[in-house]
Structures are given as structure tokens and as C-alpha cells.
Amino acid sequence: MSDRIIEFTVPAGAKAGRADKIFASEFDDISRARLQRAFDAGQVTFDGVTIDKRFKVNREGVLRAVLEEPTFDASPIAVDLPLDIIYEDESILVVNKAPGMIVHPGSGTGDNTLVHALLHHCGENLSTIGAPNRPGIVHRLDKETSGLIIIAKNDTAHHKLAAEFSERRTYKRYTALVFGQPKVSRGTIQEPIGRHRVVRTRMAVVHSGKPAHTDWKVEERYKQKASRISCVIHTGRTHQIRVHMSEIRFPLLGDTTYGFKPARLVGITVPRVMLHSTELHIQHPDRDELMQFQAPLPADFETLIGALS
């Protein structure tokens, strides 16, 4: 497997900071240990000059790191991890995913993903599509996003559910906590989303991107310059809600990748990107029945709402 190269162009006027911390904030999918190995191997440069992790970046320039691709078990094993099961039958499983849980194994992940838990719970009753690393996985949620995710327990169910998602026949509603208070109570965003032109691990509104459609509505406004927003997405682009809400200048609390500044909320700790998959409607793959699922807001949402109120 080839090494991965990451680059970040430090803009003029950016706040000075250590190189390792800048990388960590810009590439949240890379572990600190992996970055450390790159520094130790002399594989990190600033404008072409090798630097160590303590190097302080205080001007514009290009940070570049060559990351050795770690090896990982191509066949994840069953691990007894807690699952909050909303619904289960012979064909599908609906889980209320906990924040912080990665959906499937990949480079640098451990044995604590949702797939590891599913292998323990379902045994061989998972679709083989996407195996060995993604058995049963029809769609994804980001690591920090909590809430509803549906699993296919056989290949027929997987094909039918995948078609529903790709043909936009599902209903997906999310709850988000955002910084700021919109002057209007609702809105629609239809801006195309694609890879950021400079930071390739980010997404952005770009004219060459794929169509993306988000409807949003204010559910509640709080004293501490924040709001609870309900978002219905009609497309499933990577980081869609995060990008769209940032585009209209209401970034999700905790989402430093897309514009949230922790210092704006004095005395309040935001534990993660505050996004929760609240409601999901699908047509059951085996019968003519519309299935509607809901997941309550998790404890960290409720705690933060209490602090904002």
C-alpha cells in the first residue's frame, strides 16, 4: 500500500502555532501517533525544509507530511461492544450509534468499530456486500455524529436499501447545534459539494461539485448565541450538513474543521461536532411497509443544551 501525502497551505495572517497541532486540527482522521512517526522519520516539511513537531509556523507556507500507511486486519473479528438497537428483524438492524464510534475499520482504526460490534451481535447474519471491512454497511455516519444507522443482514436487503438511498427515496432528518441565531426560521440550501481545492480531506461548496440539497429549520434559540436546527437532507454528500451550515455562516458547534471557534462560547465545553441522526424512514426491503425510526438526543446534547440555555 502506498504512503499517504497530506498538505496544508497556511494562509497569510494565520495565528502562529506548532506544526503538529496545525496538522492535528486540519486532519482529524489522522492519529497523533501516526503524525509522530512521520516527524520522527523526517517526513514533515515546511516550504521544503524538514521540521520537527515543535516547529512554530508563523508565516504563510506549505506544510507537507508523508504518512506511512499502517497495516490493519483485513478481516475484522467479532468484539463484544455495546449497541443501542432501535429495531431488528431477519433482514435489517437499526442502531442508534454512539458518538465517537467509527462505522467500519480502515487504516489506523482499532477493533472498536461498529462493524466489530455487528460481527459479535449478528454473527454470519450480515450481508457480504462490502466484506470483509464493511459487511452490512449500507450508509455511513461520521465518527463524531451520533444517531440512526441501518444495517443489512443479507445481500438482498442490502441491494434494495442501497437503491433507496441512491435514488433518494429515504427520509433523513438530523438535529444540529449551531453557532449563531438565524434571522429567519427556516431555509433551503442547494449548493454543490466537492473536495476542497487545497485541503483534500475537507469538503466545500464548489461549482464543480455534486448537487446537494439541505432543508433546515430553527427548533430553538439559546441565550449563548446558539441554536438547535433540524436538517432534512435530500442528498447524501460527505459532510453535507456541516458544509452547508458553515456556508451560510452558522457552523456546527464543535466543528473546527468548518469554521467553529471554541473561544466564542466562553466557559462552555463542546464535546464533539454536535450532529445527531434523529429520524430515518425507509421502505422495508422484504415487504410493502414504510418503516419510521427515531432516536432521542444523546446525553451530551442535552447537557450542552442545558449550558446554552
Protein backbone atom coordinates (compact mmCIF):
# COMPACT_ATOMS: atom_id res chain seq x y z
CA MET A 1 0.00 0.00 0.00
CA SER A 2 1.45 3.43 -0.96
CA ASP A 3 2.17 6.16 1.56
CA ARG A 4 -0.30 8.99 2.05
CA ILE A 5 0.78 12.57 1.48
CA ILE A 6 -1.05 15.42 3.20
CA GLU A 7 -0.50 19.11 2.62
CA PHE A 8 -1.89 22.22 4.22
CA THR A 9 -1.33 25.71 2.88
CA VAL A 10 -1.00 28.07 5.83
CA PRO A 11 -2.68 31.33 4.77
CA ALA A 12 -1.21 34.76 5.34
CA GLY A 13 -2.26 36.21 8.68
CA ALA A 14 -2.96 32.82 10.27
CA LYS A 15 -2.39 32.52 14.00
CA ALA A 16 1.06 31.13 14.78
CA GLY A 17 1.16 27.60 16.10
CA ARG A 18 3.13 24.38 16.36
CA ALA A 19 3.26 22.27 13.22
CA ASP A 20 1.89 19.13 14.88
CA LYS A 21 -1.09 20.97 16.31
CA ILE A 22 -1.90 22.58 12.95
CA PHE A 23 -1.87 19.18 11.26
CA ALA A 24 -4.00 17.67 14.02
CA SER A 25 -6.64 20.39 13.70
CA GLU A 26 -6.78 20.23 9.92
CA PHE A 27 -6.77 16.44 9.50
CA ASP A 28 -8.97 14.95 12.19
CA ASP A 29 -8.87 11.48 10.63
CA ILE A 30 -5.15 11.09 11.39
CA SER A 31 -3.99 9.90 14.80
CA ARG A 32 -1.34 11.75 16.78
CA ALA A 33 0.78 8.61 16.87
CA ARG A 34 0.80 8.41 13.09
CA LEU A 35 1.82 12.06 12.81
CA GLN A 36 4.55 11.50 15.39
CA ARG A 37 6.00 8.66 13.31
CA ALA A 38 6.16 10.97 10.30
CA PHE A 39 8.01 13.64 12.30
CA ASP A 40 10.41 11.04 13.74
CA ALA A 41 11.16 9.76 10.25
CA GLY A 42 11.93 13.25 8.95
CA GLN A 43 8.97 13.14 6.59
CA VAL A 44 7.44 16.50 7.51
CA THR A 45 8.47 19.73 5.77
CA PHE A 46 7.54 23.40 5.71
CA ASP A 47 8.22 25.00 2.34
CA GLY A 48 10.50 22.08 1.53
CA VAL A 49 12.59 22.24 4.73
CA THR A 50 12.42 19.30 7.16
CA ILE A 51 10.95 20.29 10.53
CA ASP A 52 10.13 18.64 13.86
CA LYS A 53 6.78 18.74 15.61
CA ARG A 54 7.80 21.65 17.82
CA PHE A 55 8.48 23.89 14.84
CA LYS A 56 6.39 27.04 15.16
CA VAL A 57 4.66 28.12 11.98
CA ASN A 58 4.39 31.92 11.98
CA ARG A 59 4.05 32.79 8.31
CA GLU A 60 2.31 31.59 5.20
CA GLY A 61 3.69 28.48 3.54
CA VAL A 62 3.05 24.81 2.78
CA LEU A 63 3.13 22.12 5.44
CA ARG A 64 3.65 18.66 3.95
CA ALA A 65 3.82 15.22 5.55
CA VAL A 66 4.39 11.76 4.13
CA LEU A 67 2.48 9.26 6.25
CA GLU A 68 3.32 5.59 6.16
CA GLU A 69 0.12 3.63 5.57
CA PRO A 70 -0.43 1.41 8.62
CA THR A 71 -1.44 -2.18 8.15
CA PHE A 72 -4.69 -3.41 9.63
CA ASP A 73 -6.55 -6.66 9.84
CA ALA A 74 -8.36 -7.19 6.56
CA SER A 75 -10.84 -9.45 8.29
CA PRO A 76 -12.19 -7.78 11.43
CA ILE A 77 -13.14 -10.05 14.28
CA ALA A 78 -16.23 -10.03 16.46
CA VAL A 79 -15.91 -7.84 19.55
CA ASP A 80 -18.47 -7.59 22.32
CA LEU A 81 -19.27 -3.87 22.28
CA PRO A 82 -22.48 -2.23 23.48
CA LEU A 83 -25.09 -1.48 20.81
CA ASP A 84 -28.20 0.63 21.24
CA ILE A 85 -30.58 -1.33 19.00
CA ILE A 86 -33.69 0.55 17.89
CA TYR A 87 -35.15 -2.21 15.72
CA GLU A 88 -34.19 -5.65 14.42
CA ASP A 89 -35.74 -8.39 12.30
CA GLU A 90 -34.46 -11.08 9.95
CA SER A 91 -33.33 -8.58 7.29
CA ILE A 92 -32.42 -5.25 8.89
CA LEU A 93 -30.94 -3.83 12.05
CA VAL A 94 -31.31 -0.19 13.10
CA VAL A 95 -28.75 1.10 15.58
CA ASN A 96 -28.51 4.37 17.50
CA LYS A 97 -24.76 4.86 17.01
CA ALA A 98 -22.85 6.38 19.88
CA PRO A 99 -20.72 9.48 19.23
CA GLY A 100 -17.06 8.62 18.78
CA MET A 101 -17.68 5.21 17.22
CA ILE A 102 -16.19 4.70 13.76
CA VAL A 103 -18.53 2.81 11.43
CA HIS A 104 -16.05 0.45 9.75
CA PRO A 105 -12.36 -0.44 10.07
CA GLY A 106 -9.71 1.21 7.94
CA SER A 107 -6.17 2.50 8.12
CA GLY A 108 -5.31 3.41 11.68
CA THR A 109 -8.56 2.26 13.30
CA GLY A 110 -8.79 -0.18 16.18
CA ASP A 111 -11.05 -3.10 16.98
CA ASN A 112 -13.84 -0.93 18.37
CA THR A 113 -15.77 -0.01 15.22
CA LEU A 114 -19.44 -0.59 14.60
CA VAL A 115 -18.53 -3.46 12.26
CA HIS A 116 -16.67 -5.25 15.07
CA ALA A 117 -19.77 -4.91 17.25
CA LEU A 118 -22.07 -6.08 14.46
CA LEU A 119 -19.99 -9.19 13.85
CA HIS A 120 -20.43 -10.11 17.50
CA HIS A 121 -24.16 -9.36 17.57
CA CYS A 122 -25.16 -10.78 14.18
CA GLY A 123 -22.59 -13.49 13.59
CA GLU A 124 -22.88 -14.62 9.99
CA ASN A 125 -26.20 -12.82 9.54
CA LEU A 126 -24.75 -9.79 7.77
CA SER A 127 -24.73 -9.00 4.09
CA THR A 128 -21.48 -9.94 2.37
CA ILE A 129 -21.50 -6.80 0.23
CA GLY A 130 -18.56 -4.70 1.31
CA ALA A 131 -16.93 -7.58 3.18
CA PRO A 132 -14.53 -8.04 4.82
CA ASN A 133 -14.31 -4.48 6.16
CA ARG A 134 -17.86 -3.23 5.62
CA PRO A 135 -20.27 -6.16 5.91
CA GLY A 136 -23.84 -4.93 6.25
CA ILE A 137 -22.93 -1.26 5.94
CA VAL A 138 -25.41 0.47 3.63
CA HIS A 139 -24.61 4.09 4.55
CA ARG A 140 -22.27 5.89 6.94
CA LEU A 141 -22.18 8.41 9.74
CA ASP A 142 -19.05 10.36 10.65
CA LYS A 143 -17.17 9.21 13.74
CA GLU A 144 -18.47 12.07 15.90
CA THR A 145 -22.01 12.00 14.52
CA SER A 146 -24.44 10.03 16.64
CA GLY A 147 -27.80 8.52 15.81
CA LEU A 148 -29.62 6.25 13.41
CA ILE A 149 -27.85 3.95 11.00
CA ILE A 150 -29.41 0.97 9.22
CA ILE A 151 -27.64 -2.35 8.66
CA ALA A 152 -28.45 -5.02 6.05
CA LYS A 153 -28.43 -8.59 7.34
CA ASN A 154 -28.46 -10.23 3.90
CA ASP A 155 -27.44 -9.33 0.35
CA THR A 156 -30.98 -8.91 -0.98
CA ALA A 157 -31.82 -6.39 1.72
CA HIS A 158 -28.52 -4.60 1.08
CA HIS A 159 -29.20 -4.16 -2.64
CA LYS A 160 -32.72 -2.84 -2.04
CA LEU A 161 -31.70 -0.45 0.71
CA ALA A 162 -28.72 0.83 -1.28
CA ALA A 163 -31.09 1.56 -4.18
CA GLU A 164 -33.39 3.52 -1.85
CA PHE A 165 -30.52 5.70 -0.69
CA SER A 166 -29.05 6.25 -4.16
CA GLU A 167 -32.48 7.05 -5.63
CA ARG A 168 -33.25 9.43 -2.73
CA ARG A 169 -36.33 7.56 -1.59
CA THR A 170 -35.33 7.70 2.07
CA TYR A 171 -36.17 10.43 4.58
CA LYS A 172 -33.25 11.58 6.74
CA ARG A 173 -33.59 14.22 9.44
CA TYR A 174 -30.73 15.37 11.65
CA THR A 175 -30.52 17.60 14.69
CA ALA A 176 -27.62 20.03 14.92
CA LEU A 177 -26.47 22.65 17.39
CA VAL A 178 -25.04 25.63 15.51
CA PHE A 179 -23.27 28.82 16.47
CA GLY A 180 -25.39 31.89 15.89
CA GLN A 181 -29.09 32.60 15.51
CA PRO A 182 -30.55 32.85 12.00
CA LYS A 183 -32.84 35.83 11.45
CA VAL A 184 -35.31 33.61 9.59
CA SER A 185 -36.86 30.43 10.95
CA ARG A 186 -36.13 28.13 8.02
CA GLY A 187 -34.35 27.89 4.72
CA THR A 188 -33.14 25.73 1.85
CA ILE A 189 -29.56 25.28 0.69
CA GLN A 190 -28.90 23.86 -2.75
CA GLU A 191 -25.19 24.33 -3.28
CA PRO A 192 -22.96 21.70 -4.92
CA ILE A 193 -20.37 19.99 -2.74
CA GLY A 194 -16.98 18.60 -3.73
CA ARG A 195 -13.43 18.25 -2.44
CA HIS A 196 -11.79 21.37 -1.08
CA ARG A 197 -9.33 22.64 -3.69
CA VAL A 198 -6.46 22.92 -1.20
CA VAL A 199 -7.23 20.67 1.77
CA ARG A 200 -8.26 17.44 0.11
CA THR A 201 -9.63 15.84 3.28
CA ARG A 202 -12.23 18.62 3.53
CA MET A 203 -15.35 19.17 1.51
CA ALA A 204 -16.54 22.56 0.30
CA VAL A 205 -19.17 24.30 -1.80
CA VAL A 206 -17.63 24.22 -5.28
CA HIS A 207 -19.27 24.83 -8.65
CA SER A 208 -17.81 21.59 -10.00
CA GLY A 209 -19.19 19.55 -7.09
CA LYS A 210 -22.16 17.21 -6.93
CA PRO A 211 -25.69 18.54 -6.32
CA ALA A 212 -26.57 18.82 -2.65
CA HIS A 213 -29.88 19.82 -1.06
CA THR A 214 -30.48 20.58 2.62
CA ASP A 215 -33.66 21.99 4.20
CA TRP A 216 -33.17 23.48 7.65
CA LYS A 217 -35.45 24.82 10.36
CA VAL A 218 -34.77 26.51 13.70
CA GLU A 219 -36.18 24.44 16.55
CA GLU A 220 -34.92 26.55 19.45
CA ARG A 221 -32.73 29.57 20.12
CA TYR A 222 -30.48 29.81 23.19
CA LYS A 223 -29.06 32.66 25.24
CA GLN A 224 -25.48 31.74 24.43
CA LYS A 225 -25.52 32.69 20.73
CA ALA A 226 -26.52 29.22 19.56
CA SER A 227 -29.50 27.46 18.03
CA ARG A 228 -30.89 23.96 17.65
CA ILE A 229 -31.52 23.24 14.00
CA SER A 230 -33.44 20.43 12.30
CA CYS A 231 -31.97 19.46 8.92
CA VAL A 232 -33.58 17.25 6.29
CA ILE A 233 -31.13 16.14 3.63
CA HIS A 234 -32.33 15.14 0.18
CA THR A 235 -28.85 14.10 -0.95
CA GLY A 236 -26.09 12.28 0.89
CA ARG A 237 -22.88 14.16 0.22
CA THR A 238 -19.91 13.77 2.56
CA HIS A 239 -20.15 16.29 5.42
CA GLN A 240 -23.21 17.81 3.73
CA ILE A 241 -24.87 19.44 6.75
CA ARG A 242 -21.54 20.58 8.15
CA VAL A 243 -20.55 22.23 4.86
CA HIS A 244 -23.95 23.75 4.10
CA MET A 245 -24.49 25.27 7.55
CA SER A 246 -20.95 26.64 7.52
CA GLU A 247 -21.60 28.12 4.09
CA ILE A 248 -24.46 30.25 5.49
CA ARG A 249 -22.25 31.16 8.48
CA PHE A 250 -23.85 29.00 11.13
CA PRO A 251 -21.17 26.34 11.74
CA LEU A 252 -21.97 23.35 13.91
CA LEU A 253 -20.77 23.63 17.49
CA GLY A 254 -17.54 21.70 17.87
CA ASP A 255 -16.86 21.64 14.13
CA THR A 256 -13.50 23.41 13.97
CA THR A 257 -12.92 21.92 10.52
CA TYR A 258 -15.73 24.02 9.11
CA GLY A 259 -15.47 27.27 10.98
CA PHE A 260 -16.46 26.87 14.64
CA LYS A 261 -14.24 28.84 17.04
CA PRO A 262 -14.31 27.41 20.60
CA ALA A 263 -13.39 30.78 22.09
CA ARG A 264 -16.77 32.16 21.00
CA LEU A 265 -18.52 30.20 23.76
CA VAL A 266 -16.91 31.42 26.94
CA GLY A 267 -16.95 28.88 29.77
CA ILE A 268 -18.77 26.22 27.75
CA THR A 269 -17.13 22.98 26.65
CA VAL A 270 -18.34 21.47 23.39
CA PRO A 271 -17.53 17.73 23.43
CA ARG A 272 -17.71 16.99 19.71
CA VAL A 273 -19.28 18.01 16.42
CA MET A 274 -22.87 18.39 17.57
CA LEU A 275 -24.79 16.43 14.94
CA HIS A 276 -27.30 13.63 15.55
CA SER A 277 -29.23 11.46 13.10
CA THR A 278 -32.68 11.85 14.63
CA GLU A 279 -35.14 10.34 12.16
CA LEU A 280 -34.94 7.83 9.32
CA HIS A 281 -37.69 6.47 7.06
CA ILE A 282 -37.12 3.54 4.71
CA GLN A 283 -39.25 1.08 2.77
CA HIS A 284 -38.76 -2.35 4.28
CA PRO A 285 -36.76 -4.47 1.82
CA ASP A 286 -38.98 -7.56 2.29
CA ARG A 287 -42.47 -6.11 2.47
CA ASP A 288 -44.58 -3.17 1.37
CA GLU A 289 -44.20 -1.26 4.63
CA LEU A 290 -42.81 2.16 5.39
CA MET A 291 -40.57 1.93 8.45
CA GLN A 292 -40.08 5.09 10.52
CA PHE A 293 -37.37 5.26 13.18
CA GLN A 294 -36.44 7.94 15.68
CA ALA A 295 -33.54 8.28 18.12
CA PRO A 296 -33.67 10.63 21.12
CA LEU A 297 -30.98 13.23 21.61
CA PRO A 298 -27.97 11.74 23.43
CA ALA A 299 -26.85 12.83 26.88
CA ASP A 300 -24.07 15.12 25.66
CA PHE A 301 -26.59 17.03 23.53
CA GLU A 302 -28.90 17.51 26.48
CA THR A 303 -26.04 18.60 28.74
CA LEU A 304 -24.80 21.16 26.24
CA ILE A 305 -28.31 22.47 25.61
CA GLY A 306 -28.65 23.00 29.36
CA ALA A 307 -25.42 25.00 29.42
CA LEU A 308 -26.52 27.12 26.44
CA SER A 309 -29.99 27.89 27.78
